[in-house]
Amino acid sequence: MLFRRKKTFDDYVDEAYEKNIVLLDVRSSEEFKAGHIKNSKNIPLDRIETIDLKKDQKLYVYCHSGARSSAALLQLAKMGYREVINIGGIYKSKRTLQEE
């Protein structure tokens, strides 16, 4: 039997950097300005329909705890995005967050 370690939030961020995957932060603009993952794109959940990325672009979606990113995942799927993964909440990150 083979056991695989579950990926952490930071594992997904590393993978996004390595494979040029878009990190999509669906928290509010204020939350994003207070601290976010470097090079992530902020589109708050209540404005997710304004996303302007190719439908085949792979997206890693996150928020604070994972709830809004779950909702975003469902909306993005309805909009035709197929390569979307909810990586959960930024609160699990051990990284130094970028501020604006």
PDB file of N, CA and C in Angstrom:
ATOM      1  N   MET A   1       0.842  -1.170   0.000  1.00  0.00           N
ATOM      2  CA  MET A   1       0.000   0.000   0.000  1.00  0.00           C
ATOM      3  C   MET A   1       0.896   1.245   0.000  1.00  0.00           C
ATOM      4  N   LEU A   2       0.520   2.239  -0.795  1.00  0.00           N
ATOM      5  CA  LEU A   2       1.296   3.462  -0.912  1.00  0.00           C
ATOM      6  C   LEU A   2       0.544   4.606  -0.250  1.00  0.00           C
ATOM      7  N   PHE A   3       1.215   5.284   0.651  1.00  0.00           N
ATOM      8  CA  PHE A   3       0.612   6.428   1.327  1.00  0.00           C
ATOM      9  C   PHE A   3       1.237   7.702   0.789  1.00  0.00           C
ATOM     10  N   ARG A   4       0.382   8.655   0.418  1.00  0.00           N
ATOM     11  CA  ARG A   4       0.878   9.939  -0.062  1.00  0.00           C
ATOM     12  C   ARG A   4       0.540  11.009   0.955  1.00  0.00           C
ATOM     13  N   ARG A   5       1.489  11.898   1.141  1.00  0.00           N
ATOM     14  CA  ARG A   5       1.267  13.018   2.049  1.00  0.00           C
ATOM     15  C   ARG A   5       0.313  14.002   1.378  1.00  0.00           C
ATOM     16  N   LYS A   6      -0.643  14.486   2.116  1.00  0.00           N
ATOM     17  CA  LYS A   6      -1.576  15.472   1.594  1.00  0.00           C
ATOM     18  C   LYS A   6      -0.831  16.797   1.396  1.00  0.00           C
ATOM     19  N   LYS A   7      -1.117  17.457   0.287  1.00  0.00           N
ATOM     20  CA  LYS A   7      -0.478  18.735   0.030  1.00  0.00           C
ATOM     21  C   LYS A   7      -0.975  19.793   1.002  1.00  0.00           C
ATOM     22  N   THR A   8      -0.048  20.634   1.444  1.00  0.00           N
ATOM     23  CA  THR A   8      -0.412  21.760   2.298  1.00  0.00           C
ATOM     24  C   THR A   8      -0.711  22.974   1.414  1.00  0.00           C
ATOM     25  N   PHE A   9      -1.257  24.002   2.030  1.00  0.00           N
ATOM     26  CA  PHE A   9      -1.508  25.259   1.324  1.00  0.00           C
ATOM     27  C   PHE A   9      -0.213  25.746   0.662  1.00  0.00           C
ATOM     28  N   ASP A  10       0.879  25.740   1.418  1.00  0.00           N
ATOM     29  CA  ASP A  10       2.156  26.219   0.883  1.00  0.00           C
ATOM     30  C   ASP A  10       2.709  25.322  -0.221  1.00  0.00           C
ATOM     31  N   ASP A  11       2.415  24.019  -0.167  1.00  0.00           N
ATOM     32  CA  ASP A  11       2.809  23.121  -1.260  1.00  0.00           C
ATOM     33  C   ASP A  11       2.135  23.553  -2.561  1.00  0.00           C
ATOM     34  N   TYR A  12       0.847  23.890  -2.471  1.00  0.00           N
ATOM     35  CA  TYR A  12       0.126  24.350  -3.661  1.00  0.00           C
ATOM     36  C   TYR A  12       0.694  25.668  -4.181  1.00  0.00           C
ATOM     37  N   VAL A  13       1.058  26.569  -3.275  1.00  0.00           N
ATOM     38  CA  VAL A  13       1.643  27.848  -3.696  1.00  0.00           C
ATOM     39  C   VAL A  13       2.962  27.599  -4.429  1.00  0.00           C
ATOM     40  N   ASP A  14       3.795  26.732  -3.871  1.00  0.00           N
ATOM     41  CA  ASP A  14       5.062  26.397  -4.539  1.00  0.00           C
ATOM     42  C   ASP A  14       4.811  25.827  -5.929  1.00  0.00           C
ATOM     43  N   GLU A  15       3.841  24.940  -6.029  1.00  0.00           N
ATOM     44  CA  GLU A  15       3.507  24.336  -7.316  1.00  0.00           C
ATOM     45  C   GLU A  15       3.011  25.389  -8.305  1.00  0.00           C
ATOM     46  N   ALA A  16       2.223  26.343  -7.818  1.00  0.00           N
ATOM     47  CA  ALA A  16       1.724  27.416  -8.679  1.00  0.00           C
ATOM     48  C   ALA A  16       2.887  28.223  -9.240  1.00  0.00           C
ATOM     49  N   TYR A  17       3.876  28.530  -8.409  1.00  0.00           N
ATOM     50  CA  TYR A  17       5.045  29.272  -8.878  1.00  0.00           C
ATOM     51  C   TYR A  17       5.832  28.467  -9.911  1.00  0.00           C
ATOM     52  N   GLU A  18       5.998  27.186  -9.648  1.00  0.00           N
ATOM     53  CA  GLU A  18       6.786  26.329 -10.547  1.00  0.00           C
ATOM     54  C   GLU A  18       6.113  26.114 -11.896  1.00  0.00           C
ATOM     55  N   LYS A  19       4.786  26.007 -11.893  1.00  0.00           N
ATOM     56  CA  LYS A  19       4.062  25.630 -13.111  1.00  0.00           C
ATOM     57  C   LYS A  19       3.254  26.769 -13.724  1.00  0.00           C
ATOM     58  N   ASN A  20       3.493  28.000 -13.257  1.00  0.00           N
ATOM     59  CA  ASN A  20       2.808  29.169 -13.799  1.00  0.00           C
ATOM     60  C   ASN A  20       1.281  29.049 -13.709  1.00  0.00           C
ATOM     61  N   ILE A  21       0.810  28.641 -12.549  1.00  0.00           N
ATOM     62  CA  ILE A  21      -0.619  28.517 -12.272  1.00  0.00           C
ATOM     63  C   ILE A  21      -1.068  29.790 -11.561  1.00  0.00           C
ATOM     64  N   VAL A  22      -2.215  30.327 -11.930  1.00  0.00           N
ATOM     65  CA  VAL A  22      -2.713  31.551 -11.322  1.00  0.00           C
ATOM     66  C   VAL A  22      -3.217  31.268  -9.908  1.00  0.00           C
ATOM     67  N   LEU A  23      -2.730  32.057  -8.957  1.00  0.00           N
ATOM     68  CA  LEU A  23      -3.227  32.022  -7.585  1.00  0.00           C
ATOM     69  C   LEU A  23      -4.304  33.091  -7.486  1.00  0.00           C
ATOM     70  N   LEU A  24      -5.522  32.676  -7.236  1.00  0.00           N
ATOM     71  CA  LEU A  24      -6.664  33.575  -7.216  1.00  0.00           C
ATOM     72  C   LEU A  24      -7.174  33.737  -5.784  1.00  0.00           C
ATOM     73  N   ASP A  25      -7.050  34.949  -5.260  1.00  0.00           N
ATOM     74  CA  ASP A  25      -7.485  35.288  -3.906  1.00  0.00           C
ATOM     75  C   ASP A  25      -8.881  35.880  -4.000  1.00  0.00           C
ATOM     76  N   VAL A  26      -9.872  35.220  -3.402  1.00  0.00           N
ATOM     77  CA  VAL A  26     -11.258  35.681  -3.518  1.00  0.00           C
ATOM     78  C   VAL A  26     -11.737  36.404  -2.257  1.00  0.00           C
ATOM     79  N   ARG A  27     -10.798  36.848  -1.426  1.00  0.00           N
ATOM     80  CA  ARG A  27     -11.157  37.651  -0.259  1.00  0.00           C
ATOM     81  C   ARG A  27     -11.456  39.084  -0.701  1.00  0.00           C
ATOM     82  N   SER A  28     -11.920  39.899   0.213  1.00  0.00           N
ATOM     83  CA  SER A  28     -12.218  41.298  -0.104  1.00  0.00           C
ATOM     84  C   SER A  28     -10.925  42.048  -0.446  1.00  0.00           C
ATOM     85  N   SER A  29     -11.088  43.172  -1.110  1.00  0.00           N
ATOM     86  CA  SER A  29      -9.934  44.007  -1.462  1.00  0.00           C
ATOM     87  C   SER A  29      -9.176  44.447  -0.212  1.00  0.00           C
ATOM     88  N   GLU A  30      -9.905  44.756   0.858  1.00  0.00           N
ATOM     89  CA  GLU A  30      -9.284  45.183   2.108  1.00  0.00           C
ATOM     90  C   GLU A  30      -8.436  44.059   2.720  1.00  0.00           C
ATOM     91  N   GLU A  31      -8.976  42.849   2.708  1.00  0.00           N
ATOM     92  CA  GLU A  31      -8.220  41.703   3.230  1.00  0.00           C
ATOM     93  C   GLU A  31      -6.965  41.473   2.390  1.00  0.00           C
ATOM     94  N   PHE A  32      -7.117  41.580   1.076  1.00  0.00           N
ATOM     95  CA  PHE A  32      -5.993  41.374   0.168  1.00  0.00           C
ATOM     96  C   PHE A  32      -4.891  42.396   0.442  1.00  0.00           C
ATOM     97  N   LYS A  33      -5.269  43.664   0.597  1.00  0.00           N
ATOM     98  CA  LYS A  33      -4.286  44.724   0.853  1.00  0.00           C
ATOM     99  C   LYS A  33      -3.558  44.519   2.172  1.00  0.00           C
ATOM    100  N   ALA A  34      -4.236  43.935   3.140  1.00  0.00           N
ATOM    101  CA  ALA A  34      -3.632  43.705   4.456  1.00  0.00           C
ATOM    102  C   ALA A  34      -2.580  42.596   4.429  1.00  0.00           C
ATOM    103  N   GLY A  35      -2.658  41.695   3.453  1.00  0.00           N
ATOM    104  CA  GLY A  35      -1.676  40.620   3.335  1.00  0.00           C
ATOM    105  C   GLY A  35      -2.159  39.526   2.416  1.00  0.00           C
ATOM    106  N   HIS A  36      -1.324  39.183   1.437  1.00  0.00           N
ATOM    107  CA  HIS A  36      -1.693  38.162   0.458  1.00  0.00           C
ATOM    108  C   HIS A  36      -0.461  37.400  -0.004  1.00  0.00           C
ATOM    109  N   ILE A  37      -0.693  36.325  -0.723  1.00  0.00           N
ATOM    110  CA  ILE A  37       0.391  35.527  -1.285  1.00  0.00           C
ATOM    111  C   ILE A  37       0.989  36.301  -2.460  1.00  0.00           C
ATOM    112  N   LYS A  38       2.294  36.373  -2.490  1.00  0.00           N
ATOM    113  CA  LYS A  38       3.011  37.092  -3.546  1.00  0.00           C
ATOM    114  C   LYS A  38       2.551  36.608  -4.926  1.00  0.00           C
ATOM    115  N   ASN A  39       2.329  37.546  -5.826  1.00  0.00           N
ATOM    116  CA  ASN A  39       1.937  37.306  -7.225  1.00  0.00           C
ATOM    117  C   ASN A  39       0.522  36.768  -7.386  1.00  0.00           C
ATOM    118  N   SER A  40      -0.285  36.797  -6.329  1.00  0.00           N
ATOM    119  CA  SER A  40      -1.665  36.334  -6.490  1.00  0.00           C
ATOM    120  C   SER A  40      -2.522  37.455  -7.078  1.00  0.00           C
ATOM    121  N   LYS A  41      -3.644  37.054  -7.644  1.00  0.00           N
ATOM    122  CA  LYS A  41      -4.578  37.981  -8.272  1.00  0.00           C
ATOM    123  C   LYS A  41      -5.821  38.045  -7.395  1.00  0.00           C
ATOM    124  N   ASN A  42      -6.282  39.263  -7.097  1.00  0.00           N
ATOM    125  CA  ASN A  42      -7.445  39.425  -6.228  1.00  0.00           C
ATOM    126  C   ASN A  42      -8.699  39.707  -7.035  1.00  0.00           C
ATOM    127  N   ILE A  43      -9.653  38.803  -6.924  1.00  0.00           N
ATOM    128  CA  ILE A  43     -11.003  39.018  -7.448  1.00  0.00           C
ATOM    129  C   ILE A  43     -11.945  38.562  -6.342  1.00  0.00           C
ATOM    130  N   PRO A  44     -12.504  39.523  -5.577  1.00  0.00           N
ATOM    131  CA  PRO A  44     -13.401  39.144  -4.480  1.00  0.00           C
ATOM    132  C   PRO A  44     -14.545  38.268  -4.972  1.00  0.00           C
ATOM    133  N   LEU A  45     -14.996  37.382  -4.106  1.00  0.00           N
ATOM    134  CA  LEU A  45     -16.049  36.435  -4.455  1.00  0.00           C
ATOM    135  C   LEU A  45     -17.268  37.132  -5.049  1.00  0.00           C
ATOM    136  N   ASP A  46     -17.647  38.285  -4.496  1.00  0.00           N
ATOM    137  CA  ASP A  46     -18.839  38.965  -5.002  1.00  0.00           C
ATOM    138  C   ASP A  46     -18.639  39.623  -6.369  1.00  0.00           C
ATOM    139  N   ARG A  47     -17.407  39.535  -6.900  1.00  0.00           N
ATOM    140  CA  ARG A  47     -17.136  40.045  -8.248  1.00  0.00           C
ATOM    141  C   ARG A  47     -16.524  38.965  -9.151  1.00  0.00           C
ATOM    142  N   ILE A  48     -16.676  37.704  -8.769  1.00  0.00           N
ATOM    143  CA  ILE A  48     -16.024  36.611  -9.494  1.00  0.00           C
ATOM    144  C   ILE A  48     -16.467  36.553 -10.955  1.00  0.00           C
ATOM    145  N   GLU A  49     -17.665  37.018 -11.257  1.00  0.00           N
ATOM    146  CA  GLU A  49     -18.149  36.992 -12.644  1.00  0.00           C
ATOM    147  C   GLU A  49     -17.375  37.953 -13.532  1.00  0.00           C
ATOM    148  N   THR A  50     -16.543  38.834 -12.949  1.00  0.00           N
ATOM    149  CA  THR A  50     -15.745  39.769 -13.749  1.00  0.00           C
ATOM    150  C   THR A  50     -14.394  39.179 -14.153  1.00  0.00           C
ATOM    151  N   ILE A  51     -14.125  37.957 -13.774  1.00  0.00           N
ATOM    152  CA  ILE A  51     -12.829  37.340 -14.091  1.00  0.00           C
ATOM    153  C   ILE A  51     -12.593  37.368 -15.599  1.00  0.00           C
ATOM    154  N   ASP A  52     -11.375  37.704 -15.963  1.00  0.00           N
ATOM    155  CA  ASP A  52     -11.031  37.821 -17.377  1.00  0.00           C
ATOM    156  C   ASP A  52      -9.785  36.979 -17.671  1.00  0.00           C
ATOM    157  N   LEU A  53      -9.930  35.692 -17.530  1.00  0.00           N
ATOM    158  CA  LEU A  53      -8.849  34.749 -17.820  1.00  0.00           C
ATOM    159  C   LEU A  53      -9.370  33.698 -18.790  1.00  0.00           C
ATOM    160  N   LYS A  54      -8.460  33.100 -19.513  1.00  0.00           N
ATOM    161  CA  LYS A  54      -8.867  32.039 -20.445  1.00  0.00           C
ATOM    162  C   LYS A  54      -9.477  30.882 -19.671  1.00  0.00           C
ATOM    163  N   LYS A  55     -10.480  30.271 -20.268  1.00  0.00           N
ATOM    164  CA  LYS A  55     -11.206  29.179 -19.603  1.00  0.00           C
ATOM    165  C   LYS A  55     -10.321  27.958 -19.330  1.00  0.00           C
ATOM    166  N   ASP A  56      -9.239  27.814 -20.102  1.00  0.00           N
ATOM    167  CA  ASP A  56      -8.359  26.663 -19.892  1.00  0.00           C
ATOM    168  C   ASP A  56      -7.196  26.978 -18.944  1.00  0.00           C
ATOM    169  N   GLN A  57      -7.166  28.198 -18.389  1.00  0.00           N
ATOM    170  CA  GLN A  57      -6.124  28.578 -17.442  1.00  0.00           C
ATOM    171  C   GLN A  57      -6.329  27.816 -16.135  1.00  0.00           C
ATOM    172  N   LYS A  58      -5.279  27.192 -15.640  1.00  0.00           N
ATOM    173  CA  LYS A  58      -5.376  26.488 -14.360  1.00  0.00           C
ATOM    174  C   LYS A  58      -5.340  27.516 -13.226  1.00  0.00           C
ATOM    175  N   LEU A  59      -6.273  27.377 -12.279  1.00  0.00           N
ATOM    176  CA  LEU A  59      -6.406  28.314 -11.170  1.00  0.00           C
ATOM    177  C   LEU A  59      -6.340  27.593  -9.835  1.00  0.00           C
ATOM    178  N   TYR A  60      -5.583  28.159  -8.903  1.00  0.00           N
ATOM    179  CA  TYR A  60      -5.602  27.719  -7.518  1.00  0.00           C
ATOM    180  C   TYR A  60      -6.287  28.843  -6.743  1.00  0.00           C
ATOM    181  N   VAL A  61      -7.434  28.545  -6.169  1.00  0.00           N
ATOM    182  CA  VAL A  61      -8.268  29.549  -5.509  1.00  0.00           C
ATOM    183  C   VAL A  61      -8.121  29.430  -3.994  1.00  0.00           C
ATOM    184  N   TYR A  62      -7.991  30.593  -3.332  1.00  0.00           N
ATOM    185  CA  TYR A  62      -7.923  30.595  -1.874  1.00  0.00           C
ATOM    186  C   TYR A  62      -8.666  31.792  -1.296  1.00  0.00           C
ATOM    187  N   CYS A  63      -8.949  31.707   0.003  1.00  0.00           N
ATOM    188  CA  CYS A  63      -9.568  32.804   0.748  1.00  0.00           C
ATOM    189  C   CYS A  63      -8.943  32.774   2.146  1.00  0.00           C
ATOM    190  N   HIS A  64      -9.693  33.137   3.163  1.00  0.00           N
ATOM    191  CA  HIS A  64      -9.136  33.083   4.513  1.00  0.00           C
ATOM    192  C   HIS A  64      -9.194  31.668   5.092  1.00  0.00           C
ATOM    193  N   SER A  65     -10.378  31.047   5.017  1.00  0.00           N
ATOM    194  CA  SER A  65     -10.542  29.740   5.662  1.00  0.00           C
ATOM    195  C   SER A  65     -10.858  28.595   4.703  1.00  0.00           C
ATOM    196  N   GLY A  66     -11.280  28.921   3.485  1.00  0.00           N
ATOM    197  CA  GLY A  66     -11.644  27.891   2.517  1.00  0.00           C
ATOM    198  C   GLY A  66     -13.104  27.925   2.105  1.00  0.00           C
ATOM    199  N   ALA A  67     -13.947  28.645   2.851  1.00  0.00           N
ATOM    200  CA  ALA A  67     -15.380  28.680   2.537  1.00  0.00           C
ATOM    201  C   ALA A  67     -15.668  29.485   1.269  1.00  0.00           C
ATOM    202  N   ARG A  68     -15.130  30.698   1.170  1.00  0.00           N
ATOM    203  CA  ARG A  68     -15.372  31.511  -0.028  1.00  0.00           C
ATOM    204  C   ARG A  68     -14.710  30.903  -1.257  1.00  0.00           C
ATOM    205  N   SER A  69     -13.558  30.275  -1.076  1.00  0.00           N
ATOM    206  CA  SER A  69     -12.913  29.649  -2.232  1.00  0.00           C
ATOM    207  C   SER A  69     -13.716  28.449  -2.720  1.00  0.00           C
ATOM    208  N   SER A  70     -14.423  27.761  -1.815  1.00  0.00           N
ATOM    209  CA  SER A  70     -15.322  26.673  -2.235  1.00  0.00           C
ATOM    210  C   SER A  70     -16.470  27.219  -3.068  1.00  0.00           C
ATOM    211  N   ALA A  71     -17.050  28.334  -2.627  1.00  0.00           N
ATOM    212  CA  ALA A  71     -18.135  28.964  -3.379  1.00  0.00           C
ATOM    213  C   ALA A  71     -17.630  29.460  -4.734  1.00  0.00           C
ATOM    214  N   ALA A  72     -16.427  30.018  -4.759  1.00  0.00           N
ATOM    215  CA  ALA A  72     -15.843  30.507  -6.011  1.00  0.00           C
ATOM    216  C   ALA A  72     -15.627  29.351  -6.984  1.00  0.00           C
ATOM    217  N   LEU A  73     -15.178  28.221  -6.473  1.00  0.00           N
ATOM    218  CA  LEU A  73     -14.953  27.043  -7.307  1.00  0.00           C
ATOM    219  C   LEU A  73     -16.231  26.649  -8.040  1.00  0.00           C
ATOM    220  N   LEU A  74     -17.359  26.637  -7.328  1.00  0.00           N
ATOM    221  CA  LEU A  74     -18.643  26.285  -7.943  1.00  0.00           C
ATOM    222  C   LEU A  74     -19.050  27.298  -9.006  1.00  0.00           C
ATOM    223  N   GLN A  75     -18.881  28.593  -8.704  1.00  0.00           N
ATOM    224  CA  GLN A  75     -19.237  29.620  -9.671  1.00  0.00           C
ATOM    225  C   GLN A  75     -18.349  29.552 -10.907  1.00  0.00           C
ATOM    226  N   LEU A  76     -17.060  29.365 -10.702  1.00  0.00           N
ATOM    227  CA  LEU A  76     -16.127  29.290 -11.830  1.00  0.00           C
ATOM    228  C   LEU A  76     -16.441  28.085 -12.716  1.00  0.00           C
ATOM    229  N   ALA A  77     -16.817  26.968 -12.107  1.00  0.00           N
ATOM    230  CA  ALA A  77     -17.196  25.783 -12.883  1.00  0.00           C
ATOM    231  C   ALA A  77     -18.421  26.083 -13.744  1.00  0.00           C
ATOM    232  N   LYS A  78     -19.412  26.790 -13.171  1.00  0.00           N
ATOM    233  CA  LYS A  78     -20.606  27.160 -13.942  1.00  0.00           C
ATOM    234  C   LYS A  78     -20.264  28.099 -15.088  1.00  0.00           C
ATOM    235  N   MET A  79     -19.190  28.880 -14.919  1.00  0.00           N
ATOM    236  CA  MET A  79     -18.759  29.829 -15.952  1.00  0.00           C
ATOM    237  C   MET A  79     -17.893  29.164 -17.025  1.00  0.00           C
ATOM    238  N   GLY A  80     -17.596  27.873 -16.843  1.00  0.00           N
ATOM    239  CA  GLY A  80     -16.833  27.152 -17.857  1.00  0.00           C
ATOM    240  C   GLY A  80     -15.376  26.906 -17.539  1.00  0.00           C
ATOM    241  N   TYR A  81     -14.916  27.314 -16.361  1.00  0.00           N
ATOM    242  CA  TYR A  81     -13.534  27.042 -15.963  1.00  0.00           C
ATOM    243  C   TYR A  81     -13.451  25.604 -15.456  1.00  0.00           C
ATOM    244  N   ARG A  82     -12.519  24.836 -15.983  1.00  0.00           N
ATOM    245  CA  ARG A  82     -12.436  23.412 -15.669  1.00  0.00           C
ATOM    246  C   ARG A  82     -11.216  23.032 -14.843  1.00  0.00           C
ATOM    247  N   GLU A  83     -10.197  23.865 -14.855  1.00  0.00           N
ATOM    248  CA  GLU A  83      -8.953  23.541 -14.138  1.00  0.00           C
ATOM    249  C   GLU A  83      -8.842  24.424 -12.906  1.00  0.00           C
ATOM    250  N   VAL A  84      -9.731  24.214 -11.948  1.00  0.00           N
ATOM    251  CA  VAL A  84      -9.784  25.038 -10.742  1.00  0.00           C
ATOM    252  C   VAL A  84      -9.676  24.135  -9.516  1.00  0.00           C
ATOM    253  N   ILE A  85      -8.775  24.502  -8.620  1.00  0.00           N
ATOM    254  CA  ILE A  85      -8.597  23.749  -7.382  1.00  0.00           C
ATOM    255  C   ILE A  85      -8.702  24.715  -6.209  1.00  0.00           C
ATOM    256  N   ASN A  86      -9.522  24.352  -5.239  1.00  0.00           N
ATOM    257  CA  ASN A  86      -9.631  25.111  -3.997  1.00  0.00           C
ATOM    258  C   ASN A  86      -8.479  24.670  -3.102  1.00  0.00           C
ATOM    259  N   ILE A  87      -7.522  25.578  -2.854  1.00  0.00           N
ATOM    260  CA  ILE A  87      -6.378  25.213  -2.009  1.00  0.00           C
ATOM    261  C   ILE A  87      -6.608  25.600  -0.552  1.00  0.00           C
ATOM    262  N   GLY A  88      -7.783  26.170  -0.255  1.00  0.00           N
ATOM    263  CA  GLY A  88      -8.156  26.414   1.132  1.00  0.00           C
ATOM    264  C   GLY A  88      -7.880  27.813   1.627  1.00  0.00           C
ATOM    265  N   GLY A  89      -7.499  27.892   2.901  1.00  0.00           N
ATOM    266  CA  GLY A  89      -7.361  29.172   3.566  1.00  0.00           C
ATOM    267  C   GLY A  89      -5.937  29.633   3.770  1.00  0.00           C
ATOM    268  N   ILE A  90      -5.750  30.930   3.551  1.00  0.00           N
ATOM    269  CA  ILE A  90      -4.439  31.549   3.706  1.00  0.00           C
ATOM    270  C   ILE A  90      -3.961  31.474   5.157  1.00  0.00           C
ATOM    271  N   TYR A  91      -4.891  31.316   6.085  1.00  0.00           N
ATOM    272  CA  TYR A  91      -4.497  31.253   7.491  1.00  0.00           C
ATOM    273  C   TYR A  91      -3.565  30.070   7.752  1.00  0.00           C
ATOM    274  N   LYS A  92      -3.562  29.085   6.864  1.00  0.00           N
ATOM    275  CA  LYS A  92      -2.694  27.921   7.032  1.00  0.00           C
ATOM    276  C   LYS A  92      -1.275  28.157   6.503  1.00  0.00           C
ATOM    277  N   SER A  93      -1.059  29.294   5.846  1.00  0.00           N
ATOM    278  CA  SER A  93       0.243  29.558   5.246  1.00  0.00           C
ATOM    279  C   SER A  93       1.275  29.963   6.286  1.00  0.00           C
ATOM    280  N   LYS A  94       2.481  29.501   6.078  1.00  0.00           N
ATOM    281  CA  LYS A  94       3.596  29.878   6.938  1.00  0.00           C
ATOM    282  C   LYS A  94       4.463  30.939   6.254  1.00  0.00           C
ATOM    283  N   ARG A  95       4.029  31.423   5.117  1.00  0.00           N
ATOM    284  CA  ARG A  95       4.780  32.414   4.347  1.00  0.00           C
ATOM    285  C   ARG A  95       4.610  33.816   4.914  1.00  0.00           C
ATOM    286  N   THR A  96       5.582  34.671   4.603  1.00  0.00           N
ATOM    287  CA  THR A  96       5.437  36.090   4.883  1.00  0.00           C
ATOM    288  C   THR A  96       4.525  36.652   3.812  1.00  0.00           C
ATOM    289  N   LEU A  97       3.465  37.305   4.227  1.00  0.00           N
ATOM    290  CA  LEU A  97       2.489  37.815   3.279  1.00  0.00           C
ATOM    291  C   LEU A  97       2.885  39.197   2.749  1.00  0.00           C
ATOM    292  N   GLN A  98       2.533  39.457   1.514  1.00  0.00           N
ATOM    293  CA  GLN A  98       2.805  40.747   0.870  1.00  0.00           C
ATOM    294  C   GLN A  98       1.716  41.726   1.262  1.00  0.00           C
ATOM    295  N   GLU A  99       2.078  42.955   1.507  1.00  0.00           N
ATOM    296  CA  GLU A  99       1.101  43.998   1.785  1.00  0.00           C
ATOM    297  C   GLU A  99       1.183  45.057   0.709  1.00  0.00           C
ATOM    298  N   GLU A 100       0.086  45.782   0.542  1.00  0.00           N
ATOM    299  CA  GLU A 100       0.085  46.888  -0.430  1.00  0.00           C
ATOM    300  C   GLU A 100       0.014  48.193   0.307  1.00  0.00           C
TER     301      GLU A 100
END
